[in-house]
C-alpha atoms as a PDB file:
ATOM      1  CA  MET A   1      -0.084  -0.145   0.014  1.00  0.00           C
ATOM      2  CA  ASP A   2       2.959   2.276   0.716  1.00  0.00           C
ATOM      3  CA  GLU A   3       4.077   1.450  -2.731  1.00  0.00           C
ATOM      4  CA  GLN A   4       0.891   2.670  -4.256  1.00  0.00           C
ATOM      5  CA  SER A   5       0.588   5.836  -2.055  1.00  0.00           C
ATOM      6  CA  SER A   6       4.201   6.897  -2.832  1.00  0.00           C
ATOM      7  CA  GLY A   7       3.276   7.236  -6.635  1.00  0.00           C
ATOM      8  CA  MET A   8       0.265   9.583  -5.817  1.00  0.00           C
ATOM      9  CA  LYS A   9       1.164  13.162  -5.568  1.00  0.00           C
ATOM     10  CA  GLY A  10      -1.750  15.772  -5.459  1.00  0.00           C
ATOM     11  CA  ARG A  11      -1.771  19.360  -5.030  1.00  0.00           C
ATOM     12  CA  VAL A  12      -4.776  21.181  -3.537  1.00  0.00           C
ATOM     13  CA  GLU A  13      -5.317  24.671  -4.426  1.00  0.00           C
ATOM     14  CA  PRO A  14      -5.338  26.986  -1.299  1.00  0.00           C
ATOM     15  CA  LEU A  15      -8.641  28.712  -0.519  1.00  0.00           C
ATOM     16  CA  PRO A  16      -9.143  32.204  -1.766  1.00  0.00           C
ATOM     17  CA  GLU A  17      -8.746  35.099   0.470  1.00  0.00           C
ATOM     18  CA  ILE A  18     -11.777  36.118   2.117  1.00  0.00           C
ATOM     19  CA  LYS A  19     -12.329  39.946   1.530  1.00  0.00           C
ATOM     20  CA  VAL A  20     -13.599  41.558   4.726  1.00  0.00           C
ATOM     21  CA  PHE A  21     -16.431  44.222   4.139  1.00  0.00           C
ATOM     22  CA  PRO A  22     -16.839  47.146   6.380  1.00  0.00           C
ATOM     23  CA  VAL A  23     -19.755  46.979   8.860  1.00  0.00           C
ATOM     24  CA  VAL A  24     -22.319  49.752   8.132  1.00  0.00           C
ATOM     25  CA  ASP A  25     -24.615  50.709  11.222  1.00  0.00           C
ATOM     26  CA  TYR A  26     -28.116  51.471  10.157  1.00  0.00           C
ATOM     27  CA  ALA A  27     -29.475  54.206  12.286  1.00  0.00           C
ATOM     28  CA  VAL A  28     -33.051  55.265  11.945  1.00  0.00           C
ATOM     29  CA  ASP A  29     -35.112  58.221  13.349  1.00  0.00           C
ATOM     30  CA  GLU A  30     -38.438  57.092  15.086  1.00  0.00           C
ATOM     31  CA  ALA A  31     -40.377  59.459  12.871  1.00  0.00           C
ATOM     32  CA  ALA A  32     -38.978  57.598   9.760  1.00  0.00           C
ATOM     33  CA  VAL A  33     -41.248  55.664   7.471  1.00  0.00           C
ATOM     34  CA  GLU A  34     -40.978  51.845   7.911  1.00  0.00           C
ATOM     35  CA  PRO A  35     -40.833  50.584   4.523  1.00  0.00           C
ATOM     36  CA  PHE A  36     -42.236  47.178   5.242  1.00  0.00           C
ATOM     37  CA  ALA A  37     -45.197  48.110   7.368  1.00  0.00           C
ATOM     38  CA  VAL A  38     -48.378  46.377   6.628  1.00  0.00           C
ATOM     39  CA  SER A  39     -50.290  49.830   6.517  1.00  0.00           C
ATOM     40  CA  ARG A  40     -47.962  50.966   3.518  1.00  0.00           C
ATOM     41  CA  ILE A  41     -49.136  47.936   1.472  1.00  0.00           C
ATOM     42  CA  VAL A  42     -52.183  48.922  -0.306  1.00  0.00           C
ATOM     43  CA  PRO A  43     -54.366  46.494  -2.530  1.00  0.00           C
ATOM     44  CA  VAL A  44     -54.526  47.476  -6.147  1.00  0.00           C
ATOM     45  CA  ALA A  45     -58.266  48.698  -6.506  1.00  0.00           C
ATOM     46  CA  GLY A  46     -60.028  46.146  -8.419  1.00  0.00           C
ATOM     47  CA  GLY A  47     -57.288  43.489  -8.538  1.00  0.00           C
ATOM     48  CA  PRO A  48     -57.898  39.861  -7.911  1.00  0.00           C
ATOM     49  CA  THR A  49     -57.162  40.317  -4.231  1.00  0.00           C
ATOM     50  CA  ALA A  50     -59.672  42.978  -3.747  1.00  0.00           C
ATOM     51  CA  ALA A  51     -62.890  42.055  -1.873  1.00  0.00           C
ATOM     52  CA  SER A  52     -65.636  40.699  -4.005  1.00  0.00           C
ATOM     53  CA  THR A  53     -68.480  43.258  -4.401  1.00  0.00           C
ATOM     54  CA  SER A  54     -71.007  40.556  -5.752  1.00  0.00           C
ATOM     55  CA  GLY A  55     -70.684  38.611  -2.403  1.00  0.00           C
ATOM     56  CA  LEU A  56     -70.191  35.355  -4.221  1.00  0.00           C
ATOM     57  CA  GLN A  57     -67.111  33.376  -3.257  1.00  0.00           C
ATOM     58  CA  PRO A  58     -66.039  29.694  -3.806  1.00  0.00           C
ATOM     59  CA  PRO A  59     -66.476  27.669  -0.809  1.00  0.00           C
ATOM     60  CA  PRO A  60     -63.277  28.085   1.501  1.00  0.00           C
ATOM     61  CA  ASP A  61     -63.538  24.527   3.038  1.00  0.00           C
ATOM     62  CA  HIS A  62     -64.372  22.754  -0.249  1.00  0.00           C
ATOM     63  CA  ARG A  63     -62.453  19.427  -0.940  1.00  0.00           C
ATOM     64  CA  LYS A  64     -61.578  18.775  -4.582  1.00  0.00           C
ATOM     65  CA  GLU A  65     -63.271  15.994  -6.422  1.00  0.00           C
ATOM     66  CA  PRO A  66     -61.374  13.899  -9.225  1.00  0.00           C
ATOM     67  CA  LEU A  67     -63.271  15.697 -12.052  1.00  0.00           C
ATOM     68  CA  GLU A  68     -62.189  19.180 -10.836  1.00  0.00           C
ATOM     69  CA  ALA A  69     -58.825  18.478 -12.222  1.00  0.00           C
ATOM     70  CA  TYR A  70     -60.180  18.540 -15.847  1.00  0.00           C
ATOM     71  CA  PRO A  71     -61.346  21.599 -17.809  1.00  0.00           C
ATOM     72  CA  LEU A  72     -64.966  21.290 -18.642  1.00  0.00           C
ATOM     73  CA  GLU A  73     -64.395  21.137 -22.230  1.00  0.00           C
ATOM     74  CA  SER A  74     -62.570  17.932 -21.867  1.00  0.00           C
ATOM     75  CA  LEU A  75     -65.312  16.059 -20.099  1.00  0.00           C
ATOM     76  CA  LYS A  76     -67.839  14.248 -21.923  1.00  0.00           C
ATOM     77  CA  MET A  77     -71.364  12.927 -20.815  1.00  0.00           C
ATOM     78  CA  VAL A  78     -71.834   9.479 -22.154  1.00  0.00           C
ATOM     79  CA  GLY A  79     -74.840   8.311 -20.299  1.00  0.00           C
ATOM     80  CA  ARG A  80     -77.304   8.508 -17.387  1.00  0.00           C
ATOM     81  CA  LEU A  81     -78.254   6.027 -14.664  1.00  0.00           C
ATOM     82  CA  SER A  82     -81.363   6.034 -12.490  1.00  0.00           C
ATOM     83  CA  LYS A  83     -82.365   3.979  -9.673  1.00  0.00           C
ATOM     84  CA  ASP A  84     -84.719   4.700  -6.696  1.00  0.00           C
ATOM     85  CA  ARG A  85     -85.358   7.984  -7.978  1.00  0.00           C
ATOM     86  CA  VAL A  86     -81.504   8.943  -7.638  1.00  0.00           C
ATOM     87  CA  VAL A  87     -80.144  10.099 -11.163  1.00  0.00           C
ATOM     88  CA  HIS A  88     -76.384   9.742 -11.954  1.00  0.00           C
ATOM     89  CA  ALA A  89     -74.721  10.964 -15.019  1.00  0.00           C
ATOM     90  CA  LEU A  90     -71.798   8.975 -16.540  1.00  0.00           C
ATOM     91  CA  ILE A  91     -68.880  11.298 -17.225  1.00  0.00           C
ATOM     92  CA  ARG A  92     -65.819  10.271 -19.148  1.00  0.00           C
ATOM     93  CA  ALA A  93     -62.535  11.882 -18.397  1.00  0.00           C
ATOM     94  CA  ASP A  94     -59.300  10.548 -20.028  1.00  0.00           C
ATOM     95  CA  LYS A  95     -60.660   7.178 -20.628  1.00  0.00           C
ATOM     96  CA  ALA A  96     -62.014   6.677 -16.983  1.00  0.00           C
ATOM     97  CA  LEU A  97     -65.752   6.770 -16.149  1.00  0.00           C
ATOM     98  CA  TYR A  98     -67.092   8.670 -13.220  1.00  0.00           C
ATOM     99  CA  GLN A  99     -70.797   8.784 -11.736  1.00  0.00           C
ATOM    100  CA  VAL A 100     -71.879  12.152 -10.771  1.00  0.00           C
ATOM    101  CA  ALA A 101     -75.067  13.196  -8.842  1.00  0.00           C
ATOM    102  CA  VAL A 102     -76.555  16.789  -8.332  1.00  0.00           C
ATOM    103  CA  GLY A 103     -74.431  18.697  -6.049  1.00  0.00           C
ATOM    104  CA  ALA A 104     -71.144  17.074  -7.507  1.00  0.00           C
ATOM    105  CA  TYR A 105     -68.118  19.267  -8.418  1.00  0.00           C
ATOM    106  CA  MET A 106     -66.558  19.076 -11.809  1.00  0.00           C
ATOM    107  CA  GLY A 107     -64.484  21.296 -14.028  1.00  0.00           C
ATOM    108  CA  GLN A 108     -61.721  23.792 -12.985  1.00  0.00           C
ATOM    109  CA  ASP A 109     -64.241  26.677 -12.257  1.00  0.00           C
ATOM    110  CA  TYR A 110     -65.889  25.439  -9.093  1.00  0.00           C
ATOM    111  CA  GLY A 111     -68.789  24.009 -11.339  1.00  0.00           C
ATOM    112  CA  VAL A 112     -71.474  22.287  -9.209  1.00  0.00           C
ATOM    113  CA  VAL A 113     -74.063  19.991 -10.852  1.00  0.00           C
ATOM    114  CA  THR A 114     -77.402  21.586 -10.594  1.00  0.00           C
ATOM    115  CA  ALA A 115     -79.608  19.175 -12.829  1.00  0.00           C
ATOM    116  CA  ILE A 116     -79.134  16.030 -14.689  1.00  0.00           C
ATOM    117  CA  ARG A 117     -81.602  15.666 -17.754  1.00  0.00           C
ATOM    118  CA  GLU A 118     -81.790  12.698 -20.145  1.00  0.00           C
ATOM    119  CA  ASP A 119     -79.615  14.472 -22.728  1.00  0.00           C
ATOM    120  CA  ALA A 120     -77.280  16.976 -20.539  1.00  0.00           C
ATOM    121  CA  VAL A 121     -75.874  17.841 -17.248  1.00  0.00           C
ATOM    122  CA  GLU A 122     -76.395  21.439 -15.999  1.00  0.00           C
ATOM    123  CA  LEU A 123     -73.854  23.301 -14.149  1.00  0.00           C
ATOM    124  CA  ARG A 124     -73.409  26.416 -12.263  1.00  0.00           C
ATOM    125  CA  GLU A 125     -69.799  27.762 -12.234  1.00  0.00           C
ATOM    126  CA  LEU A 126     -67.854  30.393 -10.186  1.00  0.00           C
ATOM    127  CA  VAL A 127     -65.553  32.612 -12.456  1.00  0.00           C
ATOM    128  CA  GLN A 128     -63.743  35.621 -11.782  1.00  0.00           C
ATOM    129  CA  ASP A 129     -64.223  38.628 -13.984  1.00  0.00           C
ATOM    130  CA  MET A 130     -61.751  41.189 -15.197  1.00  0.00           C
ATOM    131  CA  ASN A 131     -62.258  43.235 -11.967  1.00  0.00           C
ATOM    132  CA  GLY A 132     -61.705  40.294  -9.545  1.00  0.00           C
ATOM    133  CA  ASP A 133     -65.462  39.827  -8.665  1.00  0.00           C
ATOM    134  CA  TRP A 134     -66.645  36.197  -8.782  1.00  0.00           C
ATOM    135  CA  VAL A 135     -69.611  35.732 -10.928  1.00  0.00           C
ATOM    136  CA  GLU A 136     -72.131  32.827 -11.670  1.00  0.00           C
ATOM    137  CA  ARG A 137     -72.187  31.195 -15.053  1.00  0.00           C
ATOM    138  CA  THR A 138     -74.220  28.373 -16.147  1.00  0.00           C
ATOM    139  CA  SER A 139     -72.971  25.685 -18.427  1.00  0.00           C
ATOM    140  CA  SER A 140     -74.123  22.579 -19.909  1.00  0.00           C
ATOM    141  CA  LEU A 141     -72.426  19.164 -20.659  1.00  0.00           C
ATOM    142  CA  LEU A 142     -74.560  17.461 -23.557  1.00  0.00           C
ATOM    143  CA  LEU A 143     -74.797  13.686 -24.024  1.00  0.00           C
ATOM    144  CA  GLN A 144     -72.313  12.469 -26.677  1.00  0.00           C
ATOM    145  CA  GLU A 145     -73.637  10.287 -29.478  1.00  0.00           C
ATOM    146  CA  ALA A 146     -71.784   6.980 -29.764  1.00  0.00           C
ATOM    147  CA  GLU A 147     -69.081   6.865 -32.068  1.00  0.00           C
ATOM    148  CA  ALA A 148     -69.547   4.453 -34.918  1.00  0.00           C
ATOM    149  CA  VAL A 149     -67.081   1.671 -34.970  1.00  0.00           C
ATOM    150  CA  LYS A 150     -65.548   0.829 -38.338  1.00  0.00           C
END
């Protein structure tokens, strides 16, 4: 081992010299303005962080459902089931099939299923307008016709 280590000669570069910076004492008058005070941070009027004047807001304690990960345009209604007066719509998303009932959430704009008809699913969505206010919008997901197999 001594023979092998004797043939190894390495050189490590010395560390660079550390420059010393002068210490500057920051003295402020009591009357000076504090740049980071919360009172100085003013929200932009009409910005998305401003309070909504319409009173509508997404539910704060809402747990996301699987169909909320998809844009509404990518979801397809492919059928409808009914048993004991409970109606479910069959929704296809990325080759997976989901059952939704009235009150379920779907789409990325807080869409709530309000009605399930034989040919469509009705939704009420909450979207922000240009002023940052939440507004309601109604949408429908129409039943898709079966594709012909060739």
